[in-house]
Each structure stands twice: as C-alpha cells, then as structure tokens.
C-alpha cells in the first residue's frame, strides 16, 4: 500500500497519517493492516498529558498493575511516556 510504515499527511487530507504495520514488524505478506488517524478533541487523548494530577493517577495504576503478574501493559499509556510507533512495536 505504501513504501514505509508511517506516512504523514499534514493538511492535505482529513486524516493526519496512515500506518501500515507490516513495515514495522518486517512481515512479508500481500495483505496488510492500515490505520488512518483522524484528529479530534473528543474522547481520550492519544498521548499522555504530563500534569501532576495525571502522574499521581499513573502511580496508582502502576501499583495496581504490579499486582497483575499475568497481564502485560505496553505502549504510551502503559508507561506514561511518549514513544514513537517503532518503539511501541518493539515493546510489544
């Protein structure tokens, strides 16, 4: 579909980027999975918002997560850090 994992479309389309996951994982398959990202101010934020109250809430969740040995939390919201997509895939 596209030659690289992520293509950004600043102000040219309704969506801001397309991610094609097989480029991130090294898969070779004629089929593919795509994500189109659309900007919105409705719903949960896609990125952690670094504020004191959010850090305190994260610490509470972190303590609860530590009690779940068979559950894996990964990605931006799991660690309350910003990561590039390749870093998130690497964590998984």
C-alpha atoms as a PDB file:
ATOM      1  CA  UNK A   1       0.000   0.000   0.000  1.00  0.00           C
ATOM      2  CA  UNK A   2       2.780   2.401   0.951  1.00  0.00           C
ATOM      3  CA  UNK A   3       6.570   2.022   0.905  1.00  0.00           C
ATOM      4  CA  UNK A   4       7.143   2.769   4.611  1.00  0.00           C
ATOM      5  CA  UNK A   5       5.389   2.191   7.929  1.00  0.00           C
ATOM      6  CA  UNK A   6       4.078   5.716   8.520  1.00  0.00           C
ATOM      7  CA  UNK A   7       3.173   8.412   6.027  1.00  0.00           C
ATOM      8  CA  UNK A   8       2.060  11.793   7.368  1.00  0.00           C
ATOM      9  CA  UNK A   9      -0.475  13.952   5.575  1.00  0.00           C
ATOM     10  CA  UNK A  10      -0.218  17.417   7.118  1.00  0.00           C
ATOM     11  CA  UNK A  11      -3.147  19.496   5.914  1.00  0.00           C
ATOM     12  CA  UNK A  12      -3.645  17.559   2.671  1.00  0.00           C
ATOM     13  CA  UNK A  13      -6.284  15.024   3.780  1.00  0.00           C
ATOM     14  CA  UNK A  14      -8.878  14.669   6.530  1.00  0.00           C
ATOM     15  CA  UNK A  15      -6.540  12.189   8.243  1.00  0.00           C
ATOM     16  CA  UNK A  16      -3.124  13.078   9.619  1.00  0.00           C
ATOM     17  CA  UNK A  17      -1.282   9.832   8.932  1.00  0.00           C
ATOM     18  CA  UNK A  18      -1.543   6.268   7.701  1.00  0.00           C
ATOM     19  CA  UNK A  19       0.321   3.472   9.472  1.00  0.00           C
ATOM     20  CA  UNK A  20       0.962   0.179   7.687  1.00  0.00           C
ATOM     21  CA  UNK A  21       2.028  -2.264  10.373  1.00  0.00           C
ATOM     22  CA  UNK A  22       3.767  -4.933   8.322  1.00  0.00           C
ATOM     23  CA  UNK A  23       6.595  -2.462   7.674  1.00  0.00           C
ATOM     24  CA  UNK A  24       7.117  -2.103  11.433  1.00  0.00           C
ATOM     25  CA  UNK A  25       7.254  -5.830  12.089  1.00  0.00           C
ATOM     26  CA  UNK A  26       9.088  -6.951   8.949  1.00  0.00           C
ATOM     27  CA  UNK A  27       6.217  -9.125   7.749  1.00  0.00           C
ATOM     28  CA  UNK A  28       6.084 -10.060   4.086  1.00  0.00           C
ATOM     29  CA  UNK A  29       2.509 -10.632   3.048  1.00  0.00           C
ATOM     30  CA  UNK A  30       0.412  -9.477   0.100  1.00  0.00           C
ATOM     31  CA  UNK A  31      -2.307  -8.422   2.560  1.00  0.00           C
ATOM     32  CA  UNK A  32      -1.882  -5.618   5.055  1.00  0.00           C
ATOM     33  CA  UNK A  33      -3.335  -3.752   8.031  1.00  0.00           C
ATOM     34  CA  UNK A  34      -3.724   0.005   7.948  1.00  0.00           C
ATOM     35  CA  UNK A  35      -4.649   2.656  10.466  1.00  0.00           C
ATOM     36  CA  UNK A  36      -5.891   6.055   9.393  1.00  0.00           C
ATOM     37  CA  UNK A  37      -5.524   8.642  12.150  1.00  0.00           C
ATOM     38  CA  UNK A  38      -8.012  11.486  12.291  1.00  0.00           C
ATOM     39  CA  UNK A  39      -7.513  14.448  14.620  1.00  0.00           C
ATOM     40  CA  UNK A  40     -10.192  15.025  17.241  1.00  0.00           C
ATOM     41  CA  UNK A  41     -10.636  16.689  20.584  1.00  0.00           C
ATOM     42  CA  UNK A  42     -13.351  14.217  21.606  1.00  0.00           C
ATOM     43  CA  UNK A  43     -12.599  11.175  23.773  1.00  0.00           C
ATOM     44  CA  UNK A  44      -9.434  10.041  25.489  1.00  0.00           C
ATOM     45  CA  UNK A  45      -6.126  11.625  24.475  1.00  0.00           C
ATOM     46  CA  UNK A  46      -3.812   9.500  22.344  1.00  0.00           C
ATOM     47  CA  UNK A  47      -0.742  10.723  24.183  1.00  0.00           C
ATOM     48  CA  UNK A  48      -0.064  11.105  27.891  1.00  0.00           C
ATOM     49  CA  UNK A  49      -0.659  14.631  29.115  1.00  0.00           C
ATOM     50  CA  UNK A  50       2.170  15.396  31.569  1.00  0.00           C
ATOM     51  CA  UNK A  51       0.455  17.052  34.529  1.00  0.00           C
ATOM     52  CA  UNK A  52       0.926  16.448  38.248  1.00  0.00           C
ATOM     53  CA  UNK A  53      -2.564  15.005  38.716  1.00  0.00           C
ATOM     54  CA  UNK A  54      -2.053  12.606  35.805  1.00  0.00           C
ATOM     55  CA  UNK A  55       1.302  11.474  37.186  1.00  0.00           C
ATOM     56  CA  UNK A  56      -0.343  10.760  40.557  1.00  0.00           C
ATOM     57  CA  UNK A  57      -3.088   8.786  38.834  1.00  0.00           C
ATOM     58  CA  UNK A  58      -0.481   6.882  36.829  1.00  0.00           C
ATOM     59  CA  UNK A  59       1.330   5.914  40.043  1.00  0.00           C
ATOM     60  CA  UNK A  60      -1.924   4.462  41.393  1.00  0.00           C
ATOM     61  CA  UNK A  61      -2.449   2.467  38.193  1.00  0.00           C
ATOM     62  CA  UNK A  62       1.183   1.351  38.247  1.00  0.00           C
ATOM     63  CA  UNK A  63       0.711  -0.090  41.737  1.00  0.00           C
ATOM     64  CA  UNK A  64      -2.436  -1.920  40.646  1.00  0.00           C
ATOM     65  CA  UNK A  65      -0.678  -3.257  37.551  1.00  0.00           C
ATOM     66  CA  UNK A  66       2.181  -4.621  39.644  1.00  0.00           C
ATOM     67  CA  UNK A  67      -0.368  -6.907  41.304  1.00  0.00           C
ATOM     68  CA  UNK A  68      -1.286  -8.468  37.932  1.00  0.00           C
ATOM     69  CA  UNK A  69       1.641 -10.748  37.031  1.00  0.00           C
ATOM     70  CA  UNK A  70      -0.091 -12.321  34.012  1.00  0.00           C
ATOM     71  CA  UNK A  71      -1.042  -9.039  32.348  1.00  0.00           C
ATOM     72  CA  UNK A  72       1.319  -7.002  30.195  1.00  0.00           C
ATOM     73  CA  UNK A  73       0.898  -3.266  29.880  1.00  0.00           C
ATOM     74  CA  UNK A  74       2.763  -1.705  26.950  1.00  0.00           C
ATOM     75  CA  UNK A  75       2.900   1.477  24.969  1.00  0.00           C
ATOM     76  CA  UNK A  76       2.497   5.139  25.670  1.00  0.00           C
ATOM     77  CA  UNK A  77      -0.339   4.990  28.141  1.00  0.00           C
ATOM     78  CA  UNK A  78       1.041   1.915  29.913  1.00  0.00           C
ATOM     79  CA  UNK A  79       4.293   3.660  30.807  1.00  0.00           C
ATOM     80  CA  UNK A  80       3.031   7.248  30.740  1.00  0.00           C
ATOM     81  CA  UNK A  81       5.748   8.221  28.290  1.00  0.00           C
ATOM     82  CA  UNK A  82       5.717   9.374  24.698  1.00  0.00           C
ATOM     83  CA  UNK A  83       7.146   6.805  22.288  1.00  0.00           C
ATOM     84  CA  UNK A  84       7.458   6.689  18.537  1.00  0.00           C
ATOM     85  CA  UNK A  85       5.483   3.899  16.900  1.00  0.00           C
ATOM     86  CA  UNK A  86       8.580   1.767  16.233  1.00  0.00           C
ATOM     87  CA  UNK A  87       9.436   1.916  19.935  1.00  0.00           C
ATOM     88  CA  UNK A  88       5.917   0.801  20.903  1.00  0.00           C
ATOM     89  CA  UNK A  89       6.053  -2.130  18.489  1.00  0.00           C
ATOM     90  CA  UNK A  90       9.461  -3.033  19.907  1.00  0.00           C
ATOM     91  CA  UNK A  91       7.997  -3.139  23.412  1.00  0.00           C
ATOM     92  CA  UNK A  92       5.235  -5.484  22.318  1.00  0.00           C
END
